[in-house]
Amino acid sequence: FEYEQVAFLPFDPSIKRTEATIENKKTGEKFKVTKGATPQILELCDSKSIEGKALKVVDQLADRGYRALGVAVTNEQGIFKFVGVLSLFDPPRVDTKQTIERAQAMGVQVKMITGDHTAIAIETARRLGMGTTIHSVKAMRDAPIDGEEAKTHGEIGSSEANTKDELILAADGFAEVLPEDKFKIVEVLQLSGQIVGMTGDGVNDAPALKKAEIGIAVEGATDAARAAADIVLTEPGLSVIIDAMIMSRKIFQRVRNYCTYRIAGTIQLIFFFFVAVFFRPENSFHDTDEKNFRLPVLAVVLITLVNDACVLTISRDNVTPAKDPQAWHLEEVFIVSAVLGFTAMTESVLLLLIGFSAGNSDRTEGPACIFFKDNCSASYGQVQSLLFLNLCLSDFITVFAARTRSWFFTRRPAFALIAAGVLATLSMTFIATEAHLGSMRPITAYTAVVVWAYTLIWFLIQDCLKMATYYLIDAFGIVDRSAYLNLVKQKPKGRMDAENIRKFSQNLRASVGKASIDYTFQQAYRKFSQAAGAEHQPRANRLSVSWAPRTVEF
């Protein structure tokens, strides 16, 4: 080759250009070549005569989604001369629009943060259906810090001005950003209470990736980005992020359902045995001198062991991922758990009363006769077995009410959960009808079947009370399910006149120069009017190629 590169200055986001020193092998002559953002390249050159034409070309390319790189070369005196504009089209991946639509449908706000020209960002956002409220980073830097300063600025055409934080939260994205701007945007979103995920691939993205709760390094990212990220994608595309969101929401649902069930089960057992201790078997049964009702220790261990072992299958239960980002809503969890737990506890206490009424009884009618056909009476050991079976069944069956917000039959349980329920029911029934655990005595199969029916009836009551509880929680607004959307008062994104765009929203003078500012503002105004609902039909066939490099010489 006739020329050789002898020095190279990598891209610096602060000056937005890269530079190389070239040597002619034959003559030994050296010169420099630089390329980068066209406005910054023009600042290096003595090119007042062509500046307006060059910037107009940049604007036209940017409005169609093309990136424009200015190119300059030094002459014999070492002064840069502007030689042309190189246009590149870097389209989003084919699955990007669908990925963004799925994320938005799941209640996730997607914001674009790019170092590209603002007009390019607006056009790209329009193609992806993200919304076109894209601000230049200078607008963010110049925004008032607090409400008092916002009132004095008066830069927004609406009656209420946006502060810097509100601008960041309400915008669909920012363009022409530097690494520190990305970090600041993530920080503001976090301080407002948002959970922030950030994608990136370069060294410049590393600070923001580290700052975000979920930093995601895309396929092909640099080592610095990978080290700063929490998740590293190994395949092209972002659709896997949506799959991860769906999976995480399912896991959250299962964990929440388990917590609801476990709290309810604990309430049932603790409060039942607290109440049962006041029952005096010696006064109701002639075959015992126990002063307080209790179950053998082994029976209590079996109740907790079998149910805990079986309910672990809830980790594989069928759940439906929520449409919106989820919060714990601990008030709701405790209220629903208390309703389920105290309903089950009431069920068991009522059965205990029926069992005690069967002791030393010669009656021929009453609730005890439903459970015990033999003279409507039972021994103390049989009543213990009766309560043992009821506690086992009611404790486990509560999981089928706790696992859904709607009726228990609206979502089919996983096969593993059903199998665990059948196993627990049959094993506990066998123990209650055959085993002698301490002072416990077997009950008949008939009594066991009646206990099943009794527990099932109370389960239906329990599910109805759960539905009523959720209805009352929503009716009285005990839990604000849309709180994640109300973290910031949304500011109007509506129509703004050209003067206000020039001052605040689309201040492009620093990036595209005075010669093309009027043209750029017309484009920006049209974009903002479109976002505000104005009638606008985009030109057809604005871009028919996927990549089209072009050089414009002056």
Protein backbone atom coordinates (compact mmCIF):
# COMPACT_ATOMS: atom_id res chain seq x y z
CA PHE A 1 0.00 0.00 0.00
CA GLU A 2 1.15 3.53 -0.71
CA TYR A 3 0.01 4.86 2.68
CA GLU A 4 0.58 3.57 6.21
CA GLN A 5 -1.09 4.49 9.47
CA VAL A 6 1.57 5.50 11.99
CA ALA A 7 -0.59 6.84 14.85
CA PHE A 8 -4.18 6.52 15.92
CA LEU A 9 -6.36 8.38 18.43
CA PRO A 10 -9.35 6.22 19.48
CA PHE A 11 -12.84 7.66 19.61
CA ASP A 12 -13.32 10.05 22.51
CA PRO A 13 -16.97 10.71 23.43
CA SER A 14 -16.06 14.10 24.86
CA ILE A 15 -14.83 15.39 21.46
CA LYS A 16 -16.93 12.93 19.39
CA ARG A 17 -14.28 12.10 16.83
CA THR A 18 -11.34 9.82 16.10
CA GLU A 19 -8.07 10.71 14.42
CA ALA A 20 -5.32 8.89 12.51
CA THR A 21 -1.89 9.98 11.30
CA ILE A 22 -1.04 8.70 7.81
CA GLU A 23 2.39 8.54 6.14
CA ASN A 24 3.15 8.35 2.44
CA LYS A 25 5.71 5.57 2.11
CA LYS A 26 7.28 7.02 -1.00
CA THR A 27 7.63 10.67 -0.02
CA GLY A 28 7.59 10.36 3.77
CA GLU A 29 4.90 13.05 3.90
CA LYS A 30 2.55 12.81 6.87
CA PHE A 31 -0.97 14.13 7.29
CA LYS A 32 -3.90 13.57 9.64
CA VAL A 33 -7.38 12.27 8.92
CA THR A 34 -10.25 12.67 11.33
CA LYS A 35 -13.86 11.57 11.29
CA GLY A 36 -16.71 12.03 13.76
CA ALA A 37 -19.76 14.13 14.46
CA THR A 38 -20.06 16.62 11.61
CA PRO A 39 -20.48 19.75 13.79
CA GLN A 40 -17.33 18.87 15.74
CA ILE A 41 -15.39 18.19 12.53
CA LEU A 42 -16.53 21.53 11.09
CA GLU A 43 -15.24 23.32 14.17
CA LEU A 44 -11.74 22.06 13.34
CA CYS A 45 -11.89 23.37 9.79
CA ASP A 46 -11.95 26.74 8.14
CA SER A 47 -15.11 25.88 6.28
CA LYS A 48 -17.55 28.75 6.73
CA SER A 49 -18.44 28.68 3.06
CA ILE A 50 -19.69 25.10 3.09
CA GLU A 51 -20.86 24.83 6.70
CA GLY A 52 -24.49 25.55 5.92
CA LYS A 53 -24.60 23.08 3.04
CA ALA A 54 -22.90 20.37 5.06
CA LEU A 55 -25.20 20.76 8.04
CA LYS A 56 -28.26 20.77 5.82
CA VAL A 57 -27.16 17.45 4.35
CA VAL A 58 -26.62 16.12 7.89
CA ASP A 59 -30.14 17.21 8.85
CA GLN A 60 -31.67 15.57 5.80
CA LEU A 61 -29.84 12.33 6.49
CA ALA A 62 -30.67 12.40 10.19
CA ASP A 63 -34.36 12.96 9.49
CA ARG A 64 -34.34 9.71 7.48
CA GLY A 65 -32.50 7.81 10.20
CA TYR A 66 -29.01 7.95 8.68
CA ARG A 67 -25.90 8.62 10.72
CA ALA A 68 -23.65 11.24 9.19
CA LEU A 69 -19.90 11.29 9.83
CA GLY A 70 -17.87 14.31 8.86
CA VAL A 71 -14.42 13.68 7.37
CA ALA A 72 -11.50 16.13 7.35
CA VAL A 73 -7.86 15.97 6.23
CA THR A 74 -4.93 18.26 7.05
CA ASN A 75 -3.18 20.17 4.30
CA GLU A 76 0.49 21.09 3.96
CA GLN A 77 0.14 23.70 6.71
CA GLY A 78 -1.43 21.16 9.09
CA ILE A 79 -4.88 22.80 8.91
CA PHE A 80 -7.87 20.52 8.67
CA LYS A 81 -9.94 20.79 5.50
CA PHE A 82 -13.50 19.43 5.40
CA VAL A 83 -13.74 16.90 2.57
CA GLY A 84 -17.18 15.31 2.87
CA VAL A 85 -19.91 13.47 4.77
CA LEU A 86 -20.09 9.70 5.10
CA SER A 87 -23.62 8.41 5.64
CA LEU A 88 -24.35 5.11 7.36
CA PHE A 89 -27.60 3.41 8.19
CA ASP A 90 -27.56 1.21 11.28
CA PRO A 91 -31.10 -0.16 11.50
CA PRO A 92 -32.48 -1.80 14.64
CA ARG A 93 -32.66 -5.57 14.66
CA VAL A 94 -35.79 -7.04 13.13
CA ASP A 95 -37.02 -8.24 16.52
CA THR A 96 -36.38 -4.95 18.35
CA LYS A 97 -39.79 -3.39 17.68
CA GLN A 98 -41.61 -6.52 18.81
CA THR A 99 -39.43 -6.71 21.92
CA ILE A 100 -40.21 -3.10 22.83
CA GLU A 101 -43.93 -3.64 22.24
CA ARG A 102 -43.89 -6.70 24.52
CA ALA A 103 -42.02 -4.78 27.20
CA GLN A 104 -44.49 -1.91 27.05
CA ALA A 105 -47.40 -4.35 27.22
CA MET A 106 -45.85 -5.68 30.44
CA GLY A 107 -45.85 -2.20 31.97
CA VAL A 108 -42.16 -1.49 31.44
CA GLN A 109 -41.23 2.01 30.33
CA VAL A 110 -38.61 1.88 27.60
CA LYS A 111 -36.34 4.90 27.12
CA MET A 112 -33.75 5.42 24.41
CA ILE A 113 -30.37 6.81 25.45
CA THR A 114 -28.06 7.32 22.50
CA GLY A 115 -25.11 9.38 21.43
CA ASP A 116 -26.61 9.84 17.96
CA HIS A 117 -28.05 13.04 16.55
CA THR A 118 -31.42 14.01 18.05
CA ALA A 119 -33.21 13.78 14.71
CA ILE A 120 -31.85 10.25 14.19
CA ALA A 121 -33.07 9.27 17.64
CA ILE A 122 -36.53 10.69 16.92
CA GLU A 123 -36.79 8.83 13.62
CA THR A 124 -35.56 5.57 15.18
CA ALA A 125 -38.00 5.94 18.08
CA ARG A 126 -40.83 6.54 15.63
CA ARG A 127 -39.97 3.38 13.72
CA LEU A 128 -39.87 1.37 16.93
CA GLY A 129 -43.14 2.80 18.26
CA MET A 130 -41.51 4.18 21.40
CA GLY A 131 -42.86 7.72 21.30
CA THR A 132 -40.98 10.70 19.91
CA THR A 133 -40.48 12.84 23.01
CA ILE A 134 -36.72 12.71 22.55
CA HIS A 135 -34.66 15.53 24.05
CA SER A 136 -31.11 16.53 23.30
CA VAL A 137 -28.84 16.10 26.28
CA LYS A 138 -28.32 19.87 26.37
CA ALA A 139 -32.02 20.24 27.17
CA MET A 140 -31.54 17.96 30.18
CA ARG A 141 -28.49 19.87 31.36
CA ASP A 142 -30.21 23.25 30.97
CA ALA A 143 -33.43 22.13 32.68
CA PRO A 144 -34.25 23.78 36.04
CA ILE A 145 -33.24 21.75 39.07
CA ASP A 146 -36.29 22.42 41.26
CA GLY A 147 -39.82 23.75 41.01
CA GLU A 148 -38.95 27.32 42.00
CA GLU A 149 -36.30 27.53 39.34
CA ALA A 150 -38.71 26.01 36.82
CA LYS A 151 -41.21 28.81 37.46
CA THR A 152 -38.58 31.47 36.81
CA HIS A 153 -37.35 29.81 33.64
CA GLY A 154 -40.73 29.75 31.91
CA GLU A 155 -39.32 27.65 29.10
CA ILE A 156 -42.21 25.32 28.58
CA GLY A 157 -45.24 26.32 26.62
CA SER A 158 -47.52 24.60 29.14
CA SER A 159 -48.66 26.24 32.33
CA GLU A 160 -46.36 24.04 34.44
CA ALA A 161 -42.65 23.69 33.70
CA ASN A 162 -40.64 20.51 34.02
CA THR A 163 -37.74 20.22 36.41
CA LYS A 164 -34.70 18.20 35.36
CA ASP A 165 -35.88 15.09 37.18
CA GLU A 166 -39.38 15.37 35.77
CA LEU A 167 -37.99 15.88 32.29
CA ILE A 168 -35.99 12.67 32.55
CA LEU A 169 -38.95 10.70 33.87
CA ALA A 170 -41.42 11.97 31.29
CA ALA A 171 -39.17 11.73 28.23
CA ASP A 172 -39.07 8.80 25.83
CA GLY A 173 -35.33 9.20 25.43
CA PHE A 174 -32.27 11.40 25.12
CA ALA A 175 -29.80 11.91 22.29
CA GLU A 176 -26.21 13.15 21.99
CA VAL A 177 -25.44 11.86 25.47
CA LEU A 178 -22.06 11.29 27.08
CA PRO A 179 -21.20 8.48 29.52
CA GLU A 180 -21.78 10.75 32.53
CA ASP A 181 -25.21 11.66 31.16
CA LYS A 182 -26.22 8.00 31.03
CA PHE A 183 -25.13 7.59 34.64
CA LYS A 184 -27.13 10.67 35.67
CA ILE A 185 -30.30 9.46 33.90
CA VAL A 186 -30.11 6.08 35.62
CA GLU A 187 -29.50 7.75 38.97
CA VAL A 188 -32.52 10.06 38.64
CA LEU A 189 -34.78 7.15 37.72
CA GLN A 190 -33.56 5.20 40.75
CA LEU A 191 -34.05 8.12 43.14
CA SER A 192 -37.66 8.38 41.97
CA GLY A 193 -38.27 4.81 43.11
CA GLN A 194 -37.99 3.07 39.76
CA ILE A 195 -36.26 -0.26 39.23
CA VAL A 196 -33.91 0.39 36.33
CA GLY A 197 -32.53 -2.00 33.77
CA MET A 198 -29.81 -0.80 31.40
CA THR A 199 -28.48 -2.38 28.22
CA GLY A 200 -25.14 -1.53 26.68
CA ASP A 201 -22.13 -2.89 24.88
CA GLY A 202 -19.29 -0.40 25.13
CA VAL A 203 -16.80 0.92 27.61
CA ASN A 204 -18.80 4.14 27.80
CA ASP A 205 -21.83 2.19 29.02
CA ALA A 206 -19.98 0.55 31.92
CA PRO A 207 -20.71 3.23 34.59
CA ALA A 208 -24.46 3.20 33.86
CA LEU A 209 -24.52 -0.62 33.68
CA LYS A 210 -22.91 -0.77 37.10
CA LYS A 211 -25.29 1.85 38.52
CA ALA A 212 -28.51 0.20 37.30
CA GLU A 213 -30.20 -2.49 39.38
CA ILE A 214 -30.04 -4.77 36.35
CA GLY A 215 -27.15 -4.14 34.00
CA ILE A 216 -27.38 -6.13 30.78
CA ALA A 217 -24.40 -6.47 28.45
CA VAL A 218 -25.59 -7.42 24.97
CA GLU A 219 -23.93 -9.95 22.70
CA GLY A 220 -20.55 -8.75 21.50
CA ALA A 221 -20.08 -6.31 24.38
CA THR A 222 -16.63 -5.23 25.48
CA ASP A 223 -14.94 -6.80 28.49
CA ALA A 224 -15.53 -3.64 30.52
CA ALA A 225 -19.28 -3.75 29.84
CA ARG A 226 -19.42 -7.45 30.66
CA ALA A 227 -17.61 -6.91 33.95
CA ALA A 228 -19.97 -4.11 34.97
CA ALA A 229 -23.16 -5.93 33.96
CA ASP A 230 -25.30 -8.31 36.01
CA ILE A 231 -26.47 -10.25 32.95
CA VAL A 232 -24.43 -11.03 29.82
CA LEU A 233 -26.30 -12.03 26.68
CA THR A 234 -24.53 -14.60 24.54
CA GLU A 235 -26.79 -14.40 21.49
CA PRO A 236 -27.85 -11.45 19.32
CA GLY A 237 -31.11 -9.66 20.08
CA LEU A 238 -32.97 -8.45 23.15
CA SER A 239 -36.02 -10.73 23.11
CA VAL A 240 -34.40 -12.93 25.76
CA ILE A 241 -34.86 -10.02 28.20
CA ILE A 242 -38.62 -10.37 27.83
CA ASP A 243 -38.35 -14.10 28.49
CA ALA A 244 -36.38 -13.32 31.63
CA MET A 245 -39.04 -10.83 32.75
CA ILE A 246 -41.78 -13.41 32.25
CA MET A 247 -39.83 -16.04 34.14
CA SER A 248 -39.03 -13.68 37.01
CA ARG A 249 -42.68 -12.65 37.35
CA LYS A 250 -43.71 -16.28 37.51
CA ILE A 251 -41.13 -16.90 40.23
CA PHE A 252 -42.41 -13.86 42.12
CA GLN A 253 -45.98 -15.14 41.89
CA ARG A 254 -44.98 -18.53 43.27
CA VAL A 255 -42.99 -17.01 46.12
CA ARG A 256 -45.85 -14.67 46.98
CA ASN A 257 -48.38 -17.52 46.88
CA TYR A 258 -46.16 -19.59 49.16
CA CYS A 259 -45.81 -16.71 51.63
CA THR A 260 -49.57 -16.21 51.69
CA TYR A 261 -50.13 -19.91 52.32
CA ARG A 262 -47.40 -20.23 54.92
CA ILE A 263 -48.64 -17.24 56.94
CA ALA A 264 -52.21 -18.56 56.74
CA GLY A 265 -51.15 -22.05 57.85
CA THR A 266 -49.14 -20.67 60.75
CA ILE A 267 -52.07 -18.54 61.91
CA GLN A 268 -54.37 -21.56 61.80
CA LEU A 269 -52.15 -23.86 63.85
CA ILE A 270 -50.95 -21.33 66.43
CA PHE A 271 -54.34 -19.84 67.18
CA PHE A 272 -56.10 -23.20 67.11
CA PHE A 273 -53.82 -24.72 69.74
CA PHE A 274 -54.02 -21.49 71.74
CA VAL A 275 -57.82 -21.80 71.85
CA ALA A 276 -57.80 -25.59 72.26
CA VAL A 277 -55.72 -25.38 75.43
CA PHE A 278 -58.75 -23.96 77.21
CA PHE A 279 -60.82 -27.10 76.50
CA ARG A 280 -60.80 -29.55 79.43
CA PRO A 281 -61.13 -33.15 78.21
CA GLU A 282 -61.51 -34.53 81.77
CA ASN A 283 -64.89 -32.82 82.00
CA SER A 284 -66.21 -34.24 78.71
CA PHE A 285 -64.64 -37.70 78.42
CA HIS A 286 -64.65 -40.49 80.96
CA ASP A 287 -61.63 -42.24 79.44
CA THR A 288 -59.03 -39.53 80.12
CA ASP A 289 -57.85 -37.28 82.87
CA GLU A 290 -56.17 -34.76 80.58
CA LYS A 291 -56.70 -31.22 81.85
CA ASN A 292 -56.11 -29.56 78.45
CA PHE A 293 -56.71 -30.66 74.90
CA ARG A 294 -53.55 -31.50 73.00
CA LEU A 295 -52.24 -33.70 70.25
CA PRO A 296 -49.26 -36.04 70.62
CA VAL A 297 -45.98 -34.43 69.64
CA LEU A 298 -45.47 -36.94 66.84
CA ALA A 299 -48.86 -35.98 65.37
CA VAL A 300 -47.94 -32.29 65.33
CA VAL A 301 -44.63 -33.11 63.68
CA LEU A 302 -46.41 -35.15 61.02
CA ILE A 303 -48.82 -32.28 60.31
CA THR A 304 -46.01 -29.83 59.66
CA LEU A 305 -43.62 -32.26 58.00
CA VAL A 306 -46.01 -33.77 55.47
CA ASN A 307 -47.64 -30.48 54.52
CA ASP A 308 -44.34 -28.62 54.23
CA ALA A 309 -42.83 -31.38 52.13
CA CYS A 310 -45.81 -31.50 49.79
CA VAL A 311 -46.27 -27.74 49.45
CA LEU A 312 -42.73 -27.44 48.08
CA THR A 313 -44.27 -28.47 44.77
CA ILE A 314 -45.73 -24.96 44.57
CA SER A 315 -42.34 -23.99 43.13
CA ARG A 316 -43.50 -25.71 39.93
CA ASP A 317 -47.09 -24.55 40.07
CA ASN A 318 -48.86 -23.11 37.03
CA VAL A 319 -48.97 -19.34 37.32
CA THR A 320 -49.83 -16.48 34.99
CA PRO A 321 -47.22 -13.70 34.80
CA ALA A 322 -48.64 -10.34 35.80
CA LYS A 323 -49.19 -7.72 33.11
CA ASP A 324 -47.64 -4.98 35.24
CA PRO A 325 -44.50 -4.76 37.37
CA GLN A 326 -45.15 -6.39 40.73
CA ALA A 327 -44.69 -5.16 44.28
CA TRP A 328 -45.04 -7.13 47.49
CA HIS A 329 -48.01 -5.15 48.84
CA LEU A 330 -47.40 -6.60 52.29
CA GLU A 331 -50.66 -5.17 53.64
CA GLU A 332 -52.55 -7.27 51.12
CA VAL A 333 -50.46 -10.37 51.81
CA PHE A 334 -51.08 -10.19 55.56
CA ILE A 335 -54.78 -9.34 55.25
CA VAL A 336 -55.50 -12.20 52.83
CA SER A 337 -53.36 -14.61 54.85
CA ALA A 338 -55.20 -13.64 58.04
CA VAL A 339 -58.59 -14.22 56.43
CA LEU A 340 -57.54 -17.64 55.13
CA GLY A 341 -55.83 -18.61 58.39
CA PHE A 342 -58.58 -17.51 60.78
CA THR A 343 -61.24 -19.14 58.57
CA ALA A 344 -59.38 -22.45 58.77
CA MET A 345 -58.87 -21.94 62.52
CA THR A 346 -62.60 -21.31 63.00
CA GLU A 347 -63.31 -24.49 61.07
CA SER A 348 -61.07 -26.56 63.37
CA VAL A 349 -62.38 -24.96 66.58
CA LEU A 350 -65.94 -25.64 65.52
CA LEU A 351 -65.04 -29.27 64.82
CA LEU A 352 -63.39 -29.45 68.25
CA LEU A 353 -66.66 -28.30 69.83
CA ILE A 354 -68.53 -30.99 67.90
CA GLY A 355 -65.99 -33.60 69.01
CA PHE A 356 -66.30 -32.59 72.68
CA SER A 357 -70.07 -32.77 72.42
CA ALA A 358 -69.68 -36.46 71.46
CA GLY A 359 -67.96 -37.30 74.76
CA ASN A 360 -70.08 -38.88 77.55
CA SER A 361 -73.16 -38.29 75.39
CA ASP A 362 -76.29 -40.39 75.11
CA ARG A 363 -77.93 -38.05 72.62
CA THR A 364 -79.39 -39.42 69.41
CA GLU A 365 -79.23 -36.28 67.31
CA GLY A 366 -77.00 -33.28 66.77
CA PRO A 367 -73.84 -32.51 64.80
CA ALA A 368 -71.90 -35.24 66.60
CA CYS A 369 -74.21 -37.86 65.07
CA ILE A 370 -73.08 -36.81 61.61
CA PHE A 371 -69.47 -37.67 62.42
CA PHE A 372 -69.99 -40.64 64.76
CA LYS A 373 -72.77 -43.07 63.87
CA ASP A 374 -72.21 -45.31 66.92
CA ASN A 375 -74.49 -43.79 69.57
CA CYS A 376 -73.31 -40.32 68.50
CA SER A 377 -70.39 -40.66 70.88
CA ALA A 378 -66.61 -40.94 70.67
CA SER A 379 -63.63 -41.42 72.92
CA TYR A 380 -61.05 -38.73 73.59
CA GLY A 381 -58.51 -40.55 71.42
CA GLN A 382 -60.93 -40.62 68.49
CA VAL A 383 -61.56 -36.89 68.81
CA GLN A 384 -57.81 -36.37 68.72
CA SER A 385 -57.63 -38.38 65.47
CA LEU A 386 -60.62 -36.41 64.16
CA LEU A 387 -58.82 -33.10 64.73
CA PHE A 388 -55.52 -34.51 63.48
CA LEU A 389 -57.09 -35.38 60.12
CA ASN A 390 -58.91 -32.07 59.89
CA LEU A 391 -55.81 -30.03 60.64
CA CYS A 392 -53.82 -31.94 58.03
CA LEU A 393 -56.45 -31.54 55.33
CA SER A 394 -57.43 -27.93 56.03
CA ASP A 395 -53.82 -26.83 56.36
CA PHE A 396 -52.83 -28.30 53.01
CA ILE A 397 -55.99 -27.45 51.07
CA THR A 398 -55.52 -23.78 51.97
CA VAL A 399 -52.75 -23.65 49.36
CA PHE A 400 -55.34 -24.03 46.59
CA ALA A 401 -57.09 -20.88 47.80
CA ALA A 402 -53.85 -18.97 48.40
CA ARG A 403 -52.41 -19.65 44.94
CA THR A 404 -54.93 -17.53 43.00
CA ARG A 405 -56.39 -14.04 43.26
CA SER A 406 -59.58 -15.27 41.63
CA TRP A 407 -61.64 -18.42 42.30
CA PHE A 408 -59.53 -21.48 43.02
CA PHE A 409 -60.75 -23.26 39.88
CA THR A 410 -59.76 -20.48 37.45
CA ARG A 411 -56.23 -21.81 37.07
CA ARG A 412 -55.34 -25.47 36.95
CA PRO A 413 -52.76 -26.55 39.53
CA ALA A 414 -49.60 -28.21 38.34
CA PHE A 415 -49.62 -31.99 38.24
CA ALA A 416 -46.97 -32.13 40.97
CA LEU A 417 -49.14 -30.05 43.32
CA ILE A 418 -52.21 -32.20 42.67
CA ALA A 419 -50.20 -35.37 43.22
CA ALA A 420 -48.80 -33.98 46.46
CA GLY A 421 -52.33 -33.13 47.64
CA VAL A 422 -53.58 -36.63 46.90
CA LEU A 423 -50.57 -38.17 48.63
CA ALA A 424 -50.98 -36.01 51.73
CA THR A 425 -54.72 -36.71 51.94
CA LEU A 426 -54.38 -40.48 51.60
CA SER A 427 -51.40 -40.81 53.94
CA MET A 428 -52.94 -38.67 56.69
CA THR A 429 -56.27 -40.49 56.31
CA PHE A 430 -54.49 -43.82 56.68
CA ILE A 431 -52.77 -42.65 59.86
CA ALA A 432 -56.03 -41.30 61.30
CA THR A 433 -57.94 -44.53 60.59
CA GLU A 434 -55.24 -47.11 61.38
CA ALA A 435 -52.43 -45.77 63.54
CA HIS A 436 -52.12 -45.38 67.31
CA LEU A 437 -50.04 -42.27 67.95
CA GLY A 438 -49.76 -41.75 71.69
CA SER A 439 -53.27 -41.35 73.08
CA MET A 440 -54.84 -41.12 69.60
CA ARG A 441 -57.27 -43.87 68.58
CA PRO A 442 -58.34 -44.73 65.03
CA ILE A 443 -61.58 -43.35 63.59
CA THR A 444 -63.78 -45.19 61.13
CA ALA A 445 -63.57 -44.75 57.38
CA TYR A 446 -67.05 -43.21 57.49
CA THR A 447 -65.86 -40.53 59.92
CA ALA A 448 -62.84 -39.84 57.73
CA VAL A 449 -65.05 -39.32 54.67
CA VAL A 450 -67.27 -36.93 56.64
CA VAL A 451 -64.18 -34.99 57.71
CA TRP A 452 -63.21 -34.73 54.05
CA ALA A 453 -66.62 -33.33 53.17
CA TYR A 454 -66.59 -30.98 56.17
CA THR A 455 -63.15 -29.65 55.21
CA LEU A 456 -64.18 -29.21 51.57
CA ILE A 457 -67.28 -27.20 52.53
CA TRP A 458 -65.17 -24.91 54.68
CA PHE A 459 -62.64 -24.62 51.86
CA LEU A 460 -65.40 -23.25 49.60
CA ILE A 461 -66.34 -20.78 52.34
CA GLN A 462 -62.67 -19.87 52.68
CA ASP A 463 -62.36 -19.19 48.94
CA CYS A 464 -65.49 -17.01 48.96
CA LEU A 465 -64.12 -14.97 51.86
CA LYS A 466 -60.83 -14.60 49.99
CA MET A 467 -62.67 -13.17 46.97
CA ALA A 468 -64.59 -10.79 49.21
CA THR A 469 -61.33 -9.70 50.85
CA TYR A 470 -59.68 -8.86 47.54
CA TYR A 471 -62.81 -6.96 46.48
CA LEU A 472 -62.81 -4.88 49.66
CA ILE A 473 -59.07 -4.20 49.37
CA ASP A 474 -59.61 -2.81 45.88
CA ALA A 475 -62.84 -1.00 46.77
CA PHE A 476 -61.32 0.87 49.73
CA GLY A 477 -57.97 1.43 48.02
CA ILE A 478 -55.98 -0.27 50.76
CA VAL A 479 -53.36 -1.20 48.17
CA ASP A 480 -52.44 1.12 45.31
CA ARG A 481 -51.71 -1.31 42.52
CA SER A 482 -50.68 1.45 40.11
CA ALA A 483 -48.24 3.09 42.51
CA TYR A 484 -45.33 2.32 40.22
CA LEU A 485 -46.94 4.56 37.60
CA ASN A 486 -47.53 7.39 40.07
CA LEU A 487 -43.95 7.74 41.26
CA VAL A 488 -43.77 10.92 39.25
CA LYS A 489 -46.53 13.24 38.17
CA GLN A 490 -46.57 12.88 34.43
CA LYS A 491 -46.02 16.17 32.68
CA PRO A 492 -47.83 16.99 29.43
CA LYS A 493 -45.94 15.99 26.31
CA GLY A 494 -48.27 17.94 24.09
CA ARG A 495 -47.82 20.57 21.43
CA MET A 496 -45.01 23.09 21.90
CA ASP A 497 -44.34 26.06 19.68
CA ALA A 498 -41.07 26.43 17.80
CA GLU A 499 -39.74 29.09 20.17
CA ASN A 500 -40.08 26.86 23.22
CA ILE A 501 -38.60 23.94 21.35
CA ARG A 502 -35.65 26.13 20.46
CA LYS A 503 -35.12 27.14 24.08
CA PHE A 504 -35.73 23.90 25.90
CA SER A 505 -36.78 20.68 24.19
CA GLN A 506 -34.85 20.63 20.93
CA ASN A 507 -31.94 22.99 21.51
CA LEU A 508 -29.80 21.78 18.64
CA ARG A 509 -27.82 24.91 17.95
CA ALA A 510 -24.72 23.49 19.62
CA SER A 511 -24.87 20.25 17.64
CA VAL A 512 -25.96 21.26 14.13
CA GLY A 513 -25.06 24.94 13.84
CA LYS A 514 -26.96 28.09 13.05
CA ALA A 515 -27.16 27.57 9.32
CA SER A 516 -29.57 24.62 9.56
CA ILE A 517 -31.41 25.47 12.75
CA ASP A 518 -34.63 26.58 11.09
CA TYR A 519 -34.87 23.39 9.08
CA THR A 520 -34.20 21.26 12.15
CA PHE A 521 -36.83 23.05 14.20
CA GLN A 522 -39.40 22.48 11.49
CA GLN A 523 -38.65 18.77 11.66
CA ALA A 524 -38.68 18.76 15.48
CA TYR A 525 -41.93 20.69 15.58
CA ARG A 526 -43.53 18.25 13.17
CA LYS A 527 -42.38 15.31 15.31
CA PHE A 528 -43.69 16.85 18.52
CA SER A 529 -46.98 17.73 16.87
CA GLN A 530 -47.30 14.13 15.74
CA ALA A 531 -46.68 12.94 19.33
CA ALA A 532 -49.37 15.36 20.55
CA GLY A 533 -51.96 13.87 18.22
CA ALA A 534 -51.76 16.29 15.31
CA GLU A 535 -52.74 15.02 11.88
CA HIS A 536 -49.61 14.00 10.06
CA GLN A 537 -48.99 11.51 7.33
CA PRO A 538 -45.33 10.47 7.02
CA ARG A 539 -43.88 10.28 3.58
CA ALA A 540 -44.16 6.86 2.02
CA ASN A 541 -41.09 4.83 1.20
CA ARG A 542 -38.80 7.12 3.16
CA LEU A 543 -36.18 4.41 3.26
CA SER A 544 -36.04 1.37 1.05
CA VAL A 545 -32.55 0.03 1.76
CA SER A 546 -31.08 -1.53 4.87
CA TRP A 547 -27.59 -0.09 4.44
CA ALA A 548 -26.55 2.62 2.09
CA PRO A 549 -23.15 4.27 2.55
CA ARG A 550 -22.71 7.49 0.67
CA THR A 551 -20.06 10.21 0.48
CA VAL A 552 -20.94 13.81 -0.26
CA GLU A 553 -18.03 15.94 -1.39
CA PHE A 554 -17.78 19.71 -1.28
